[in-house]
């Protein structure tokens, strides 16, 4: 256990941050999973802006790396494009 007040405070802050980050990461993963599971292009098109916003916010707060967020957004947009092309054909 810590021997100084600053380290006790540090432990409290870390625990609080860990809880918040875990919740945010879970929300992010569920949003991406929900989008990937969608087979209807119209519903997927409605979901994409929300998922992109969550990814951007996660990258902004360094929950995930900015390049990871960009890569995921690109892949999700490509998936939407393929869904739309598949339904149109």
N, C-alpha and C. Protein backbone atom coordinates (compact mmCIF):
# COMPACT_ATOMS: atom_id res chain seq x y z
N UNK A 1 0.84 -1.19 0.00
CA UNK A 1 0.00 0.00 0.00
C UNK A 1 0.88 1.25 0.00
N UNK A 2 0.32 2.36 -0.47
CA UNK A 2 1.11 3.59 -0.56
C UNK A 2 1.46 4.16 0.82
N UNK A 3 2.60 4.80 0.86
CA UNK A 3 3.07 5.39 2.11
C UNK A 3 2.89 6.91 2.12
N UNK A 4 2.43 7.48 1.03
CA UNK A 4 2.27 8.93 0.93
C UNK A 4 0.87 9.27 0.46
N UNK A 5 0.41 10.44 0.85
CA UNK A 5 -0.93 10.88 0.49
C UNK A 5 -1.13 10.98 -1.02
N UNK A 6 -0.10 11.47 -1.71
CA UNK A 6 -0.25 11.67 -3.16
C UNK A 6 -0.46 10.33 -3.86
N UNK A 7 0.13 9.26 -3.34
CA UNK A 7 -0.04 7.96 -3.97
C UNK A 7 -1.40 7.35 -3.65
N UNK A 8 -1.93 7.69 -2.45
CA UNK A 8 -3.28 7.26 -2.12
C UNK A 8 -4.28 7.93 -3.07
N UNK A 9 -4.07 9.21 -3.28
CA UNK A 9 -4.94 9.94 -4.21
C UNK A 9 -4.81 9.38 -5.61
N UNK A 10 -3.58 9.07 -5.98
CA UNK A 10 -3.32 8.50 -7.30
C UNK A 10 -4.10 7.20 -7.49
N UNK A 11 -4.12 6.36 -6.48
CA UNK A 11 -4.86 5.10 -6.56
C UNK A 11 -6.36 5.35 -6.72
N UNK A 12 -6.87 6.33 -5.98
CA UNK A 12 -8.30 6.65 -6.11
C UNK A 12 -8.62 7.13 -7.52
N UNK A 13 -7.77 8.03 -8.04
CA UNK A 13 -8.00 8.57 -9.39
C UNK A 13 -7.90 7.47 -10.43
N UNK A 14 -6.93 6.59 -10.28
CA UNK A 14 -6.76 5.49 -11.24
C UNK A 14 -7.97 4.58 -11.26
N UNK A 15 -8.50 4.29 -10.08
CA UNK A 15 -9.68 3.42 -9.99
C UNK A 15 -10.88 4.07 -10.69
N UNK A 16 -11.04 5.37 -10.47
CA UNK A 16 -12.16 6.09 -11.08
C UNK A 16 -12.01 6.13 -12.60
N UNK A 17 -10.80 6.42 -13.06
CA UNK A 17 -10.54 6.48 -14.51
C UNK A 17 -10.72 5.12 -15.16
N UNK A 18 -10.27 4.08 -14.46
CA UNK A 18 -10.39 2.73 -15.00
C UNK A 18 -11.86 2.37 -15.21
N UNK A 19 -12.71 2.74 -14.25
CA UNK A 19 -14.14 2.48 -14.35
C UNK A 19 -14.75 3.22 -15.54
N UNK A 20 -14.40 4.49 -15.66
CA UNK A 20 -14.95 5.31 -16.75
C UNK A 20 -14.47 4.78 -18.10
N UNK A 21 -13.17 4.49 -18.20
CA UNK A 21 -12.61 4.01 -19.47
C UNK A 21 -13.19 2.66 -19.86
N UNK A 22 -13.41 1.80 -18.88
CA UNK A 22 -13.99 0.49 -19.17
C UNK A 22 -15.40 0.63 -19.74
N UNK A 23 -16.18 1.55 -19.17
CA UNK A 23 -17.54 1.79 -19.64
C UNK A 23 -17.52 2.37 -21.06
N UNK A 24 -16.62 3.31 -21.30
CA UNK A 24 -16.53 3.93 -22.63
C UNK A 24 -16.07 2.92 -23.68
N UNK A 25 -15.09 2.08 -23.32
CA UNK A 25 -14.60 1.08 -24.25
C UNK A 25 -15.69 0.05 -24.57
N UNK A 26 -16.47 -0.30 -23.56
CA UNK A 26 -17.57 -1.23 -23.75
C UNK A 26 -18.62 -0.63 -24.70
N UNK A 27 -18.95 0.64 -24.48
CA UNK A 27 -19.92 1.33 -25.34
C UNK A 27 -19.42 1.37 -26.79
N UNK A 28 -18.13 1.63 -26.95
CA UNK A 28 -17.53 1.66 -28.28
C UNK A 28 -17.62 0.31 -28.96
N UNK A 29 -17.24 -0.74 -28.26
CA UNK A 29 -17.25 -2.08 -28.84
C UNK A 29 -18.65 -2.53 -29.20
N UNK A 30 -19.62 -2.21 -28.33
CA UNK A 30 -21.00 -2.59 -28.63
C UNK A 30 -21.52 -1.85 -29.87
N UNK A 31 -21.16 -0.59 -30.01
CA UNK A 31 -21.60 0.18 -31.17
C UNK A 31 -21.03 -0.40 -32.45
N UNK A 32 -19.75 -0.74 -32.44
CA UNK A 32 -19.11 -1.32 -33.63
C UNK A 32 -19.72 -2.68 -33.93
N UNK A 33 -19.92 -3.47 -32.90
CA UNK A 33 -20.49 -4.81 -33.07
C UNK A 33 -21.91 -4.73 -33.65
N UNK A 34 -22.69 -3.79 -33.14
CA UNK A 34 -24.06 -3.60 -33.62
C UNK A 34 -24.06 -3.21 -35.09
N UNK A 35 -23.13 -2.31 -35.47
CA UNK A 35 -23.05 -1.90 -36.86
C UNK A 35 -22.67 -3.07 -37.76
N UNK A 36 -21.67 -3.83 -37.34
CA UNK A 36 -21.20 -4.96 -38.16
C UNK A 36 -22.26 -6.04 -38.32
N UNK A 37 -23.14 -6.17 -37.34
CA UNK A 37 -24.18 -7.20 -37.40
C UNK A 37 -25.35 -6.78 -38.28
N UNK A 38 -25.44 -5.49 -38.58
CA UNK A 38 -26.57 -4.98 -39.37
C UNK A 38 -26.46 -5.42 -40.82
N UNK A 39 -27.56 -5.93 -41.36
CA UNK A 39 -27.58 -6.39 -42.75
C UNK A 39 -28.40 -5.47 -43.65
N UNK A 40 -29.21 -4.62 -43.05
CA UNK A 40 -30.03 -3.68 -43.84
C UNK A 40 -29.22 -2.41 -44.09
N UNK A 41 -28.97 -2.06 -45.37
CA UNK A 41 -28.14 -0.89 -45.66
C UNK A 41 -28.71 0.43 -45.12
N UNK A 42 -30.03 0.56 -45.10
CA UNK A 42 -30.63 1.80 -44.59
C UNK A 42 -30.40 1.97 -43.10
N UNK A 43 -30.57 0.89 -42.35
CA UNK A 43 -30.34 0.95 -40.91
C UNK A 43 -28.85 1.18 -40.62
N UNK A 44 -28.01 0.52 -41.41
CA UNK A 44 -26.57 0.67 -41.24
C UNK A 44 -26.15 2.11 -41.53
N UNK A 45 -26.76 2.72 -42.54
CA UNK A 45 -26.43 4.11 -42.89
C UNK A 45 -26.82 5.06 -41.76
N UNK A 46 -27.89 4.74 -41.03
CA UNK A 46 -28.29 5.57 -39.89
C UNK A 46 -27.36 5.37 -38.70
N UNK A 47 -26.81 4.16 -38.57
CA UNK A 47 -25.93 3.87 -37.44
C UNK A 47 -24.52 4.44 -37.62
N UNK A 48 -24.06 4.54 -38.86
CA UNK A 48 -22.67 4.92 -39.12
C UNK A 48 -22.26 6.27 -38.51
N UNK A 49 -23.04 7.34 -38.63
CA UNK A 49 -22.60 8.61 -38.02
C UNK A 49 -22.42 8.51 -36.51
N UNK A 50 -23.29 7.78 -35.85
CA UNK A 50 -23.17 7.62 -34.40
C UNK A 50 -21.92 6.85 -34.01
N UNK A 51 -21.65 5.78 -34.75
CA UNK A 51 -20.46 4.97 -34.47
C UNK A 51 -19.20 5.79 -34.76
N UNK A 52 -19.23 6.56 -35.83
CA UNK A 52 -18.08 7.42 -36.17
C UNK A 52 -17.83 8.45 -35.07
N UNK A 53 -18.90 9.01 -34.53
CA UNK A 53 -18.77 10.00 -33.47
C UNK A 53 -18.15 9.37 -32.22
N UNK A 54 -18.60 8.17 -31.88
CA UNK A 54 -18.05 7.47 -30.72
C UNK A 54 -16.56 7.19 -30.93
N UNK A 55 -16.21 6.77 -32.15
CA UNK A 55 -14.81 6.50 -32.46
C UNK A 55 -13.97 7.77 -32.36
N UNK A 56 -14.49 8.88 -32.89
CA UNK A 56 -13.76 10.15 -32.84
C UNK A 56 -13.53 10.60 -31.39
N UNK A 57 -14.58 10.49 -30.56
CA UNK A 57 -14.45 10.90 -29.16
C UNK A 57 -13.47 10.01 -28.42
N UNK A 58 -13.49 8.72 -28.75
CA UNK A 58 -12.56 7.78 -28.10
C UNK A 58 -11.13 8.09 -28.49
N UNK A 59 -10.91 8.48 -29.73
CA UNK A 59 -9.57 8.81 -30.18
C UNK A 59 -9.11 10.14 -29.57
N UNK A 60 -10.05 11.08 -29.44
CA UNK A 60 -9.73 12.39 -28.90
C UNK A 60 -9.26 12.28 -27.45
N UNK A 61 -9.86 11.39 -26.69
CA UNK A 61 -9.48 11.21 -25.28
C UNK A 61 -8.43 10.13 -25.11
N UNK A 62 -7.87 9.63 -26.20
CA UNK A 62 -6.81 8.61 -26.20
C UNK A 62 -7.25 7.29 -25.58
N UNK A 63 -8.54 7.00 -25.66
CA UNK A 63 -9.01 5.69 -25.24
C UNK A 63 -8.52 4.65 -26.24
N UNK A 64 -8.53 5.04 -27.52
CA UNK A 64 -7.92 4.24 -28.58
C UNK A 64 -7.02 5.17 -29.38
N UNK A 65 -6.12 4.60 -30.13
CA UNK A 65 -5.20 5.40 -30.93
C UNK A 65 -5.98 6.07 -32.07
N UNK A 66 -5.66 7.30 -32.42
CA UNK A 66 -6.36 7.98 -33.52
C UNK A 66 -6.31 7.21 -34.83
N UNK A 67 -5.21 6.55 -35.12
CA UNK A 67 -5.10 5.77 -36.36
C UNK A 67 -6.05 4.58 -36.32
N UNK A 68 -6.23 4.00 -35.15
CA UNK A 68 -7.16 2.88 -35.00
C UNK A 68 -8.58 3.35 -35.29
N UNK A 69 -8.93 4.52 -34.79
CA UNK A 69 -10.26 5.06 -35.03
C UNK A 69 -10.46 5.32 -36.52
N UNK A 70 -9.47 5.90 -37.17
CA UNK A 70 -9.57 6.18 -38.60
C UNK A 70 -9.72 4.89 -39.40
N UNK A 71 -8.93 3.89 -39.03
CA UNK A 71 -8.98 2.61 -39.74
C UNK A 71 -10.35 1.95 -39.57
N UNK A 72 -10.89 1.97 -38.35
CA UNK A 72 -12.20 1.38 -38.11
C UNK A 72 -13.29 2.12 -38.88
N UNK A 73 -13.23 3.46 -38.87
CA UNK A 73 -14.23 4.24 -39.61
C UNK A 73 -14.17 3.91 -41.10
N UNK A 74 -12.97 3.78 -41.62
CA UNK A 74 -12.80 3.47 -43.03
C UNK A 74 -13.39 2.09 -43.36
N UNK A 75 -13.11 1.12 -42.50
CA UNK A 75 -13.60 -0.24 -42.74
C UNK A 75 -15.11 -0.32 -42.60
N UNK A 76 -15.67 0.42 -41.67
CA UNK A 76 -17.12 0.42 -41.49
C UNK A 76 -17.80 1.10 -42.68
N UNK A 77 -17.20 2.17 -43.19
CA UNK A 77 -17.76 2.84 -44.37
C UNK A 77 -17.69 1.92 -45.58
N UNK A 78 -16.61 1.18 -45.69
CA UNK A 78 -16.47 0.22 -46.79
C UNK A 78 -17.51 -0.87 -46.67
N UNK A 79 -17.77 -1.33 -45.46
CA UNK A 79 -18.79 -2.36 -45.25
C UNK A 79 -20.16 -1.83 -45.66
N UNK A 80 -20.46 -0.58 -45.31
CA UNK A 80 -21.74 0.03 -45.70
C UNK A 80 -21.84 0.11 -47.21
N UNK A 81 -20.75 0.49 -47.85
CA UNK A 81 -20.72 0.60 -49.31
C UNK A 81 -21.00 -0.76 -49.95
N UNK A 82 -20.39 -1.81 -49.41
CA UNK A 82 -20.60 -3.15 -49.95
C UNK A 82 -22.02 -3.64 -49.69
N UNK A 83 -22.56 -3.29 -48.52
CA UNK A 83 -23.95 -3.65 -48.22
C UNK A 83 -24.90 -2.99 -49.21
N UNK A 84 -24.68 -1.71 -49.47
CA UNK A 84 -25.53 -0.97 -50.40
C UNK A 84 -25.42 -1.52 -51.82
N UNK A 85 -24.21 -1.86 -52.22
CA UNK A 85 -24.00 -2.39 -53.57
C UNK A 85 -24.64 -3.77 -53.70
N UNK A 86 -24.56 -4.57 -52.65
CA UNK A 86 -25.14 -5.91 -52.68
C UNK A 86 -26.66 -5.89 -52.75
N UNK A 87 -27.27 -4.96 -52.06
CA UNK A 87 -28.73 -4.87 -52.07
C UNK A 87 -29.25 -4.26 -53.37
N UNK A 88 -28.43 -3.38 -53.97
CA UNK A 88 -28.86 -2.72 -55.22
C UNK A 88 -28.81 -3.69 -56.39
N UNK A 89 -27.89 -4.63 -56.34
CA UNK A 89 -27.72 -5.55 -57.46
C UNK A 89 -28.78 -6.63 -57.51
